[in-house]
């Protein structure tokens, strides 16, 4: 990887900067953008498809007094919202 003085490394970038760098400056050109968009859609769909299992897991954790760093109700809600926007853009 080429490092340019004055520019952050991938580890130093925010998530937004990293995704932008990933899709705009790949040696594979626009193909990387297609791969990233496809992966995003599939990942969001996977979360939404597993919604019941995730929410049951959170309920079981809370029943044991466990509260993980990521609230799964919020995680699922964010995935649903992002998937709605994704589908609005990319669906026929």
N, C-alpha and C. Protein backbone atom coordinates (compact mmCIF):
# COMPACT_ATOMS: atom_id res chain seq x y z
N UNK A 1 0.84 -1.18 0.00
CA UNK A 1 0.00 0.00 0.00
C UNK A 1 0.89 1.24 0.00
N UNK A 2 0.53 2.19 -0.81
CA UNK A 2 1.27 3.44 -0.88
C UNK A 2 0.74 4.39 0.19
N UNK A 3 1.63 4.95 0.96
CA UNK A 3 1.22 5.93 1.96
C UNK A 3 1.69 7.31 1.51
N UNK A 4 0.78 8.26 1.51
CA UNK A 4 1.11 9.62 1.11
C UNK A 4 1.19 10.50 2.35
N UNK A 5 2.23 11.32 2.41
CA UNK A 5 2.37 12.21 3.55
C UNK A 5 1.18 13.16 3.62
N UNK A 6 0.65 13.34 4.82
CA UNK A 6 -0.47 14.25 5.01
C UNK A 6 -1.83 13.58 4.83
N UNK A 7 -1.87 12.34 4.36
CA UNK A 7 -3.12 11.62 4.19
C UNK A 7 -3.19 10.50 5.23
N UNK A 8 -4.37 10.27 5.80
CA UNK A 8 -4.48 9.21 6.82
C UNK A 8 -4.32 7.82 6.21
N UNK A 9 -3.78 6.90 7.00
CA UNK A 9 -3.73 5.50 6.59
C UNK A 9 -5.14 4.93 6.75
N UNK A 10 -5.37 3.75 6.22
CA UNK A 10 -6.70 3.13 6.36
C UNK A 10 -7.08 2.99 7.83
N UNK A 11 -6.15 2.66 8.67
CA UNK A 11 -6.45 2.50 10.11
C UNK A 11 -6.85 3.83 10.75
N UNK A 12 -6.36 4.92 10.22
CA UNK A 12 -6.66 6.24 10.79
C UNK A 12 -7.94 6.86 10.23
N UNK A 13 -8.46 6.30 9.14
CA UNK A 13 -9.64 6.88 8.49
C UNK A 13 -10.91 6.58 9.29
N UNK A 14 -11.87 7.48 9.16
CA UNK A 14 -13.20 7.19 9.68
C UNK A 14 -13.81 6.12 8.78
N UNK A 15 -14.91 5.53 9.22
CA UNK A 15 -15.58 4.53 8.38
C UNK A 15 -16.00 5.13 7.04
N UNK A 16 -16.52 6.35 7.07
CA UNK A 16 -16.96 7.01 5.85
C UNK A 16 -15.78 7.25 4.90
N UNK A 17 -14.66 7.70 5.42
CA UNK A 17 -13.48 7.93 4.60
C UNK A 17 -12.97 6.61 4.01
N UNK A 18 -12.98 5.57 4.83
CA UNK A 18 -12.49 4.27 4.38
C UNK A 18 -13.33 3.71 3.24
N UNK A 19 -14.67 3.74 3.38
CA UNK A 19 -15.55 3.22 2.33
C UNK A 19 -15.35 4.03 1.05
N UNK A 20 -15.25 5.34 1.18
CA UNK A 20 -15.02 6.19 0.02
C UNK A 20 -13.69 5.83 -0.66
N UNK A 21 -12.65 5.65 0.12
CA UNK A 21 -11.35 5.28 -0.42
C UNK A 21 -11.42 3.91 -1.08
N UNK A 22 -12.10 2.99 -0.44
CA UNK A 22 -12.22 1.63 -0.94
C UNK A 22 -12.86 1.59 -2.32
N UNK A 23 -13.95 2.33 -2.51
CA UNK A 23 -14.66 2.26 -3.79
C UNK A 23 -14.13 3.22 -4.85
N UNK A 24 -13.38 4.22 -4.45
CA UNK A 24 -12.89 5.20 -5.42
C UNK A 24 -11.45 5.01 -5.85
N UNK A 25 -10.66 4.29 -5.06
CA UNK A 25 -9.23 4.17 -5.36
C UNK A 25 -8.76 2.73 -5.34
N UNK A 26 -9.50 1.87 -6.03
CA UNK A 26 -9.14 0.46 -6.09
C UNK A 26 -8.39 0.15 -7.37
N UNK A 27 -7.45 -0.77 -7.30
CA UNK A 27 -6.75 -1.19 -8.51
C UNK A 27 -7.68 -1.94 -9.45
N UNK A 28 -8.86 -2.31 -8.96
CA UNK A 28 -9.84 -3.03 -9.78
C UNK A 28 -10.92 -2.09 -10.33
N UNK A 29 -10.73 -0.80 -10.13
CA UNK A 29 -11.64 0.19 -10.69
C UNK A 29 -13.06 0.06 -10.17
N UNK A 30 -14.01 0.29 -11.07
CA UNK A 30 -15.42 0.32 -10.70
C UNK A 30 -15.93 -1.04 -10.23
N UNK A 31 -15.23 -2.13 -10.55
CA UNK A 31 -15.66 -3.45 -10.10
C UNK A 31 -15.73 -3.51 -8.58
N UNK A 32 -14.82 -2.83 -7.91
CA UNK A 32 -14.83 -2.83 -6.45
C UNK A 32 -16.10 -2.16 -5.92
N UNK A 33 -16.54 -1.10 -6.58
CA UNK A 33 -17.77 -0.44 -6.17
C UNK A 33 -18.95 -1.40 -6.27
N UNK A 34 -19.01 -2.18 -7.34
CA UNK A 34 -20.08 -3.15 -7.50
C UNK A 34 -20.03 -4.22 -6.40
N UNK A 35 -18.83 -4.68 -6.10
CA UNK A 35 -18.67 -5.70 -5.07
C UNK A 35 -19.12 -5.15 -3.71
N UNK A 36 -18.72 -3.94 -3.38
CA UNK A 36 -19.06 -3.35 -2.08
C UNK A 36 -20.57 -3.12 -1.97
N UNK A 37 -21.19 -2.61 -3.03
CA UNK A 37 -22.64 -2.37 -3.00
C UNK A 37 -23.39 -3.70 -2.89
N UNK A 38 -22.96 -4.71 -3.62
CA UNK A 38 -23.59 -6.03 -3.54
C UNK A 38 -23.46 -6.61 -2.13
N UNK A 39 -22.27 -6.51 -1.56
CA UNK A 39 -22.03 -7.03 -0.20
C UNK A 39 -22.88 -6.29 0.82
N UNK A 40 -23.01 -4.99 0.65
CA UNK A 40 -23.84 -4.20 1.57
C UNK A 40 -25.28 -4.68 1.54
N UNK A 41 -25.83 -4.83 0.35
CA UNK A 41 -27.21 -5.30 0.23
C UNK A 41 -27.41 -6.67 0.84
N UNK A 42 -26.50 -7.59 0.56
CA UNK A 42 -26.60 -8.96 1.10
C UNK A 42 -26.44 -8.96 2.61
N UNK A 43 -25.54 -8.15 3.13
CA UNK A 43 -25.34 -8.08 4.58
C UNK A 43 -26.56 -7.53 5.30
N UNK A 44 -27.13 -6.47 4.76
CA UNK A 44 -28.34 -5.90 5.36
C UNK A 44 -29.49 -6.90 5.33
N UNK A 45 -29.65 -7.59 4.19
CA UNK A 45 -30.72 -8.57 4.06
C UNK A 45 -30.53 -9.71 5.05
N UNK A 46 -29.28 -10.11 5.26
CA UNK A 46 -28.97 -11.19 6.22
C UNK A 46 -29.41 -10.80 7.64
N UNK A 47 -29.12 -9.58 8.02
CA UNK A 47 -29.52 -9.11 9.35
C UNK A 47 -31.04 -9.09 9.48
N UNK A 48 -31.72 -8.53 8.48
CA UNK A 48 -33.18 -8.43 8.52
C UNK A 48 -33.82 -9.82 8.50
N UNK A 49 -33.27 -10.74 7.71
CA UNK A 49 -33.80 -12.11 7.66
C UNK A 49 -33.64 -12.81 9.00
N UNK A 50 -32.62 -12.47 9.76
CA UNK A 50 -32.38 -13.10 11.06
C UNK A 50 -32.92 -12.29 12.23
N UNK A 51 -33.82 -11.36 11.95
CA UNK A 51 -34.36 -10.44 12.95
C UNK A 51 -34.90 -11.17 14.18
N UNK A 52 -35.75 -12.15 13.98
CA UNK A 52 -36.37 -12.83 15.11
C UNK A 52 -35.33 -13.50 16.01
N UNK A 53 -34.34 -14.13 15.38
CA UNK A 53 -33.28 -14.79 16.14
C UNK A 53 -32.46 -13.77 16.94
N UNK A 54 -32.14 -12.65 16.32
CA UNK A 54 -31.36 -11.62 17.01
C UNK A 54 -32.13 -11.02 18.18
N UNK A 55 -33.41 -10.75 17.97
CA UNK A 55 -34.21 -10.16 19.05
C UNK A 55 -34.44 -11.15 20.18
N UNK A 56 -34.58 -12.43 19.85
CA UNK A 56 -34.70 -13.47 20.89
C UNK A 56 -33.40 -13.58 21.68
N UNK A 57 -32.28 -13.44 21.00
CA UNK A 57 -30.98 -13.46 21.69
C UNK A 57 -30.87 -12.30 22.66
N UNK A 58 -31.27 -11.12 22.22
CA UNK A 58 -31.21 -9.96 23.11
C UNK A 58 -32.11 -10.17 24.33
N UNK A 59 -33.31 -10.68 24.11
CA UNK A 59 -34.24 -10.92 25.21
C UNK A 59 -33.64 -11.91 26.21
N UNK A 60 -33.00 -12.96 25.70
CA UNK A 60 -32.37 -13.96 26.58
C UNK A 60 -31.21 -13.34 27.35
N UNK A 61 -30.43 -12.50 26.69
CA UNK A 61 -29.30 -11.84 27.37
C UNK A 61 -29.80 -10.93 28.48
N UNK A 62 -30.83 -10.15 28.18
CA UNK A 62 -31.37 -9.23 29.18
C UNK A 62 -31.97 -9.98 30.36
N UNK A 63 -32.58 -11.14 30.10
CA UNK A 63 -33.16 -11.95 31.17
C UNK A 63 -32.08 -12.44 32.14
N UNK A 64 -30.84 -12.58 31.63
CA UNK A 64 -29.71 -12.99 32.46
C UNK A 64 -28.96 -11.79 33.03
N UNK A 65 -29.48 -10.59 32.77
CA UNK A 65 -28.82 -9.38 33.27
C UNK A 65 -27.61 -8.97 32.44
N UNK A 66 -27.52 -9.48 31.23
CA UNK A 66 -26.40 -9.14 30.34
C UNK A 66 -26.85 -8.07 29.36
N UNK A 67 -26.03 -7.06 29.19
CA UNK A 67 -26.33 -5.96 28.28
C UNK A 67 -25.11 -5.68 27.42
N UNK A 68 -25.03 -6.33 26.24
CA UNK A 68 -23.87 -6.16 25.36
C UNK A 68 -23.71 -4.72 24.87
N UNK A 69 -22.55 -4.43 24.36
CA UNK A 69 -22.24 -3.10 23.85
C UNK A 69 -23.22 -2.69 22.74
N UNK A 70 -23.56 -3.63 21.85
CA UNK A 70 -24.47 -3.35 20.74
C UNK A 70 -25.87 -3.83 21.12
N UNK A 71 -26.81 -2.90 21.13
CA UNK A 71 -28.21 -3.24 21.38
C UNK A 71 -28.77 -3.82 20.08
N UNK A 72 -29.20 -5.08 20.14
CA UNK A 72 -29.63 -5.76 18.92
C UNK A 72 -30.94 -5.20 18.36
N UNK A 73 -31.79 -4.65 19.21
CA UNK A 73 -33.00 -4.01 18.71
C UNK A 73 -32.64 -2.81 17.84
N UNK A 74 -31.70 -2.01 18.29
CA UNK A 74 -31.23 -0.86 17.52
C UNK A 74 -30.49 -1.32 16.27
N UNK A 75 -29.72 -2.40 16.39
CA UNK A 75 -28.97 -2.96 15.26
C UNK A 75 -29.93 -3.36 14.14
N UNK A 76 -30.97 -4.09 14.50
CA UNK A 76 -31.96 -4.54 13.52
C UNK A 76 -32.70 -3.35 12.92
N UNK A 77 -33.08 -2.40 13.75
CA UNK A 77 -33.80 -1.22 13.26
C UNK A 77 -32.94 -0.43 12.27
N UNK A 78 -31.67 -0.29 12.56
CA UNK A 78 -30.76 0.42 11.65
C UNK A 78 -30.61 -0.35 10.34
N UNK A 79 -30.52 -1.67 10.42
CA UNK A 79 -30.40 -2.49 9.21
C UNK A 79 -31.67 -2.40 8.37
N UNK A 80 -32.83 -2.43 9.02
CA UNK A 80 -34.09 -2.30 8.28
C UNK A 80 -34.19 -0.95 7.58
N UNK A 81 -33.82 0.10 8.27
CA UNK A 81 -33.86 1.43 7.68
C UNK A 81 -32.91 1.54 6.49
N UNK A 82 -31.69 1.05 6.68
CA UNK A 82 -30.70 1.09 5.59
C UNK A 82 -31.15 0.23 4.42
N UNK A 83 -31.74 -0.94 4.69
CA UNK A 83 -32.20 -1.82 3.62
C UNK A 83 -33.35 -1.18 2.85
N UNK A 84 -34.24 -0.49 3.55
CA UNK A 84 -35.33 0.23 2.85
C UNK A 84 -34.75 1.25 1.87
N UNK A 85 -33.77 2.01 2.31
CA UNK A 85 -33.14 3.00 1.44
C UNK A 85 -32.38 2.31 0.29
N UNK A 86 -31.70 1.23 0.61
CA UNK A 86 -30.96 0.46 -0.39
C UNK A 86 -31.91 -0.04 -1.47
N UNK A 87 -33.03 -0.64 -1.04
CA UNK A 87 -34.00 -1.18 -1.99
C UNK A 87 -34.68 -0.08 -2.79
N UNK A 88 -34.90 1.07 -2.15
CA UNK A 88 -35.49 2.19 -2.86
C UNK A 88 -34.59 2.63 -4.02
N UNK A 89 -33.28 2.59 -3.79
CA UNK A 89 -32.34 3.00 -4.83
C UNK A 89 -32.13 1.92 -5.89
N UNK A 90 -31.98 0.67 -5.47
CA UNK A 90 -31.52 -0.35 -6.39
C UNK A 90 -32.61 -1.31 -6.90
N UNK A 91 -33.81 -1.27 -6.37
CA UNK A 91 -34.86 -2.16 -6.86
C UNK A 91 -35.50 -1.59 -8.11
N UNK A 92 -36.05 -2.49 -8.90
CA UNK A 92 -36.71 -2.08 -10.14
C UNK A 92 -37.97 -1.30 -9.88
